[in-house]
Amino acid sequence: MRYLLFSDVHANLPALRVVLRDAHARTDLAGRYHLGDLVGYAPWPDEVVALIAEEGIPGVAGNYDSTVASAYKHCGCRYEDARQEELSHLSYAWTLANTSAETKRFLGSLPFRIDIRPLGGHVAGPTIRFVHGNHSLNTVYVTEDRSDEFLSSMASHLAAREGDVVCFGHTHKPWHRVVQGIHFVNTGSVGRPKDGDPRAGYVLLDVTETEVDVEFVRIEYDVEQAARAIISSTLPDDFADYLRTGGALVRA
């Protein structure tokens, strides 16, 4: 069974459209799932959520989704420096003010976690578990430098066993590692990559009874369209350069 997984669209409609166009061209998909953070940092929160709803793509709540839905005091983001913290607060305030009540209701309806059994509930085989951060919080950054012990503890809390797959996002950097036979897959980011590559990213996950294959896909989109829209909005212009550079920090 093949699944297309993506995360961290962050209101970047041009990037999402390109990923979905790529998905539509694939005739072998058993399903498409998003791993949260549909909104924030770009000027199309309502449009992105509407497109996800129209396409009927299930997914989990990212920290941005659940904080916007509940009008929490901040987005639960981590900051690289004081300027990034300032920008993050500006993004969150803008997103709260520019998402409709319908969008907020949709974001609030997203579950924290999704488990699927590709081979069916009564057939031996792997379980795929989707979260945004870790097993208990969608604000925890599961980065590639996390220890095997950290990942094993996460797997234990998710009741994951050998052959299972644990998928998440939040860090905006794609990676895949196997610890004690359990696959950990960070799907990267569609709309706000942080790995120096501005292209939209997603994952193709192939799962059989005995094998797991992970393919990271990067795809060009009109970054300048997104950048111009940010500059035309009242969002900080820094976010446009962030997209252009694939996450290079922009400091005043």
Protein backbone atom coordinates (compact mmCIF):
# COMPACT_ATOMS: atom_id res chain seq x y z
CA MET A 1 0.00 0.00 0.00
CA ARG A 2 1.33 3.41 -0.96
CA TYR A 3 0.51 6.60 0.93
CA LEU A 4 1.32 10.23 0.23
CA LEU A 5 2.10 12.12 3.42
CA PHE A 6 2.76 15.82 3.91
CA SER A 7 3.01 18.32 6.71
CA ASP A 8 3.49 21.97 7.55
CA VAL A 9 1.73 23.64 4.64
CA HIS A 10 1.61 26.86 6.67
CA ALA A 11 -0.96 28.64 4.53
CA ASN A 12 1.18 28.39 1.40
CA LEU A 13 -1.49 27.75 -1.20
CA PRO A 14 0.75 27.64 -4.32
CA ALA A 15 2.95 24.99 -2.71
CA LEU A 16 -0.03 22.90 -1.62
CA ARG A 17 -1.60 23.06 -5.07
CA VAL A 18 1.54 21.70 -6.68
CA VAL A 19 1.77 18.82 -4.20
CA LEU A 20 -1.88 17.94 -4.76
CA ARG A 21 -1.44 18.14 -8.53
CA ASP A 22 1.41 15.67 -8.17
CA ALA A 23 -0.79 13.48 -6.00
CA HIS A 24 -3.59 13.49 -8.56
CA ALA A 25 -1.16 12.25 -11.21
CA ARG A 26 -0.31 9.19 -9.10
CA THR A 27 -2.79 6.37 -9.66
CA ASP A 28 -1.32 3.97 -7.11
CA LEU A 29 -2.09 5.82 -3.88
CA ALA A 30 -4.05 4.09 -1.14
CA GLY A 31 -4.48 7.39 0.68
CA ARG A 32 -3.26 10.91 1.38
CA TYR A 33 -2.74 12.29 4.88
CA HIS A 34 -1.55 15.60 6.30
CA LEU A 35 0.39 15.80 9.54
CA GLY A 36 -0.66 19.22 10.70
CA ASP A 37 0.19 22.92 10.67
CA LEU A 38 -2.07 23.95 7.83
CA VAL A 39 -1.90 27.64 8.74
CA GLY A 40 0.57 30.35 9.79
CA TYR A 41 3.27 32.47 8.09
CA ALA A 42 1.61 32.88 4.67
CA PRO A 43 -1.58 34.69 3.56
CA TRP A 44 -3.91 31.84 2.57
CA PRO A 45 -5.09 30.11 5.78
CA ASP A 46 -8.76 29.95 4.76
CA GLU A 47 -7.95 28.85 1.22
CA VAL A 48 -5.58 26.09 2.34
CA VAL A 49 -8.07 24.70 4.85
CA ALA A 50 -10.89 24.90 2.30
CA LEU A 51 -8.80 22.96 -0.24
CA ILE A 52 -7.88 20.27 2.31
CA ALA A 53 -11.57 19.93 3.20
CA GLU A 54 -12.63 19.87 -0.45
CA GLU A 55 -10.09 17.15 -1.22
CA GLY A 56 -11.22 15.17 1.82
CA ILE A 57 -7.67 14.69 3.10
CA PRO A 58 -7.63 13.42 6.70
CA GLY A 59 -4.93 14.53 9.07
CA VAL A 60 -3.86 15.50 12.56
CA ALA A 61 -3.66 18.80 14.41
CA GLY A 62 -0.39 20.65 14.37
CA ASN A 63 0.48 23.11 17.10
CA TYR A 64 -0.51 26.03 14.87
CA ASP A 65 -3.85 24.40 14.09
CA SER A 66 -4.83 23.74 17.69
CA THR A 67 -3.61 27.10 19.01
CA VAL A 68 -5.42 29.08 16.31
CA ALA A 69 -8.57 27.03 16.85
CA SER A 70 -8.54 27.79 20.57
CA ALA A 71 -7.11 31.35 20.36
CA TYR A 72 -4.30 30.26 22.66
CA LYS A 73 -1.81 32.88 23.88
CA HIS A 74 0.93 31.80 21.44
CA CYS A 75 1.55 29.25 18.69
CA GLY A 76 3.75 26.87 20.68
CA CYS A 77 6.69 27.50 18.35
CA ARG A 78 10.40 27.35 19.10
CA TYR A 79 12.54 30.36 18.29
CA GLU A 80 16.09 30.50 16.94
CA ASP A 81 16.68 34.04 18.27
CA ALA A 82 14.87 37.13 19.50
CA ARG A 83 14.02 38.30 15.98
CA GLN A 84 12.48 34.96 15.09
CA GLU A 85 10.43 35.09 18.29
CA GLU A 86 9.15 38.54 17.36
CA LEU A 87 8.26 37.38 13.84
CA SER A 88 6.51 34.31 15.17
CA HIS A 89 4.25 36.40 17.39
CA LEU A 90 3.44 38.69 14.45
CA SER A 91 2.55 35.67 12.30
CA TYR A 92 0.34 34.20 14.99
CA ALA A 93 -1.52 37.46 15.60
CA TRP A 94 -2.06 37.89 11.84
CA THR A 95 -3.32 34.33 11.46
CA LEU A 96 -5.74 34.64 14.37
CA ALA A 97 -7.14 37.83 12.83
CA ASN A 98 -7.35 36.47 9.28
CA THR A 99 -8.92 33.03 9.68
CA SER A 100 -12.65 32.64 9.46
CA ALA A 101 -14.80 31.03 12.11
CA GLU A 102 -15.35 28.12 9.71
CA THR A 103 -11.60 27.61 9.35
CA LYS A 104 -11.12 27.71 13.10
CA ARG A 105 -13.87 25.11 13.55
CA PHE A 106 -12.18 22.84 11.01
CA LEU A 107 -8.80 23.22 12.70
CA GLY A 108 -10.38 22.49 16.07
CA SER A 109 -11.91 19.28 14.72
CA LEU A 110 -8.57 17.74 13.75
CA PRO A 111 -7.57 14.76 15.91
CA PHE A 112 -4.30 14.64 17.80
CA ARG A 113 -3.32 11.25 16.34
CA ILE A 114 -4.36 8.83 13.60
CA ASP A 115 -3.48 5.12 13.38
CA ILE A 116 -4.04 3.06 10.25
CA ARG A 117 -3.57 -0.62 9.48
CA PRO A 118 -2.74 -0.86 5.76
CA LEU A 119 -3.40 -4.61 5.58
CA GLY A 120 -6.59 -4.49 7.63
CA GLY A 121 -7.35 -4.89 11.29
CA HIS A 122 -7.29 -8.71 11.28
CA VAL A 123 -4.21 -9.26 9.13
CA ALA A 124 -0.69 -9.41 10.51
CA GLY A 125 1.25 -6.40 9.39
CA PRO A 126 2.45 -2.95 10.36
CA THR A 127 0.55 -0.07 11.89
CA ILE A 128 1.25 3.48 10.71
CA ARG A 129 0.90 6.15 13.35
CA PHE A 130 0.51 9.84 12.47
CA VAL A 131 1.23 12.67 14.93
CA HIS A 132 2.56 16.19 14.48
CA GLY A 133 5.15 16.37 17.25
CA ASN A 134 5.52 13.41 19.57
CA HIS A 135 3.15 11.07 21.39
CA SER A 136 1.99 13.57 24.00
CA LEU A 137 2.42 17.09 22.59
CA ASN A 138 2.22 18.58 19.12
CA THR A 139 4.78 21.19 20.20
CA VAL A 140 7.68 18.74 20.70
CA TYR A 141 10.33 18.87 17.98
CA VAL A 142 11.44 15.38 16.99
CA THR A 143 14.64 16.34 15.21
CA GLU A 144 17.07 14.06 13.44
CA ASP A 145 19.61 14.37 16.24
CA ARG A 146 17.26 12.85 18.82
CA SER A 147 18.79 9.82 20.48
CA ASP A 148 17.72 6.23 19.88
CA GLU A 149 16.55 6.20 23.50
CA PHE A 150 14.26 9.18 22.88
CA LEU A 151 12.76 7.56 19.79
CA SER A 152 12.33 4.21 21.53
CA SER A 153 10.49 5.93 24.38
CA MET A 154 8.25 7.69 21.87
CA ALA A 155 7.53 4.37 20.17
CA SER A 156 6.73 2.72 23.48
CA HIS A 157 4.19 5.42 24.36
CA LEU A 158 2.59 4.93 20.95
CA ALA A 159 2.55 1.14 21.44
CA ALA A 160 4.62 0.81 18.27
CA ARG A 161 6.32 -2.50 17.60
CA GLU A 162 8.90 -3.82 15.16
CA GLY A 163 7.80 -3.17 11.58
CA ASP A 164 5.56 -0.23 12.48
CA VAL A 165 5.97 3.30 11.13
CA VAL A 166 5.76 6.51 13.16
CA CYS A 167 5.26 9.63 11.01
CA PHE A 168 5.41 13.26 12.11
CA GLY A 169 6.36 16.77 10.97
CA HIS A 170 6.82 20.05 12.90
CA THR A 171 10.58 20.47 12.32
CA HIS A 172 10.26 21.24 8.58
CA LYS A 173 13.26 19.00 7.87
CA PRO A 174 12.73 15.54 6.30
CA TRP A 175 14.48 12.46 7.65
CA HIS A 176 14.03 8.72 8.16
CA ARG A 177 15.61 6.40 10.71
CA VAL A 178 15.01 2.86 11.94
CA VAL A 179 15.36 2.13 15.65
CA GLN A 180 14.70 -1.39 16.93
CA GLY A 181 12.88 -2.22 13.73
CA ILE A 182 10.51 0.77 13.98
CA HIS A 183 10.59 3.37 11.20
CA PHE A 184 10.56 7.04 12.19
CA VAL A 185 9.69 9.38 9.33
CA ASN A 186 9.69 13.15 9.40
CA THR A 187 7.79 14.32 6.33
CA GLY A 188 9.44 17.75 6.12
CA SER A 189 7.38 20.72 4.96
CA VAL A 190 5.21 21.63 2.01
CA GLY A 191 5.06 25.36 2.51
CA ARG A 192 7.95 26.45 4.72
CA PRO A 193 11.03 24.19 4.43
CA LYS A 194 13.94 24.81 6.78
CA ASP A 195 16.60 22.61 5.15
CA GLY A 196 17.89 25.12 2.61
CA ASP A 197 15.80 23.69 -0.24
CA PRO A 198 12.84 25.97 -1.08
CA ARG A 199 10.94 23.28 -2.98
CA ALA A 200 7.79 21.80 -1.49
CA GLY A 201 8.37 18.43 0.14
CA TYR A 202 6.33 15.33 0.83
CA VAL A 203 6.79 11.60 1.42
CA LEU A 204 5.73 8.50 -0.45
CA LEU A 205 5.40 5.65 2.04
CA ASP A 206 5.14 2.08 0.73
CA VAL A 207 4.13 -0.56 3.26
CA THR A 208 3.78 -4.30 2.82
CA GLU A 209 3.54 -7.09 5.38
CA THR A 210 7.32 -7.34 5.51
CA GLU A 211 8.80 -4.16 4.03
CA VAL A 212 8.68 -0.39 4.47
CA ASP A 213 10.01 1.98 1.81
CA VAL A 214 10.27 5.74 2.30
CA GLU A 215 10.79 8.14 -0.62
CA PHE A 216 11.28 11.86 -0.07
CA VAL A 217 9.94 13.95 -2.94
CA ARG A 218 10.75 17.60 -3.64
CA ILE A 219 8.82 19.55 -6.21
CA GLU A 220 9.20 23.02 -7.69
CA TYR A 221 6.45 25.58 -7.17
CA ASP A 222 6.13 29.30 -7.80
CA VAL A 223 7.98 30.57 -4.75
CA GLU A 224 7.87 34.12 -6.08
CA GLN A 225 4.08 34.02 -6.24
CA ALA A 226 4.00 33.14 -2.56
CA ALA A 227 6.68 35.71 -1.74
CA ARG A 228 4.84 38.50 -3.58
CA ALA A 229 1.60 37.65 -1.80
CA ILE A 230 3.34 37.85 1.57
CA ILE A 231 4.86 41.22 0.69
CA SER A 232 1.46 42.47 -0.49
CA SER A 233 -0.11 41.44 2.80
CA THR A 234 0.54 42.86 6.25
CA LEU A 235 2.66 39.86 7.20
CA PRO A 236 6.37 40.57 7.77
CA ASP A 237 8.35 40.67 4.52
CA ASP A 238 10.94 38.44 6.21
CA PHE A 239 8.67 35.48 5.53
CA ALA A 240 9.05 36.00 1.78
CA ASP A 241 12.83 35.72 1.98
CA TYR A 242 12.48 32.71 4.24
CA LEU A 243 10.61 30.89 1.48
CA ARG A 244 13.09 31.99 -1.18
CA THR A 245 16.04 30.62 0.78
CA GLY A 246 14.45 27.44 2.06
CA GLY A 247 14.67 28.49 5.66
CA ALA A 248 17.81 30.59 5.92
CA LEU A 249 17.31 32.85 8.90
CA VAL A 250 16.60 36.46 8.06
CA ARG A 251 17.83 38.88 10.69
CA ALA A 252 17.24 42.60 10.90
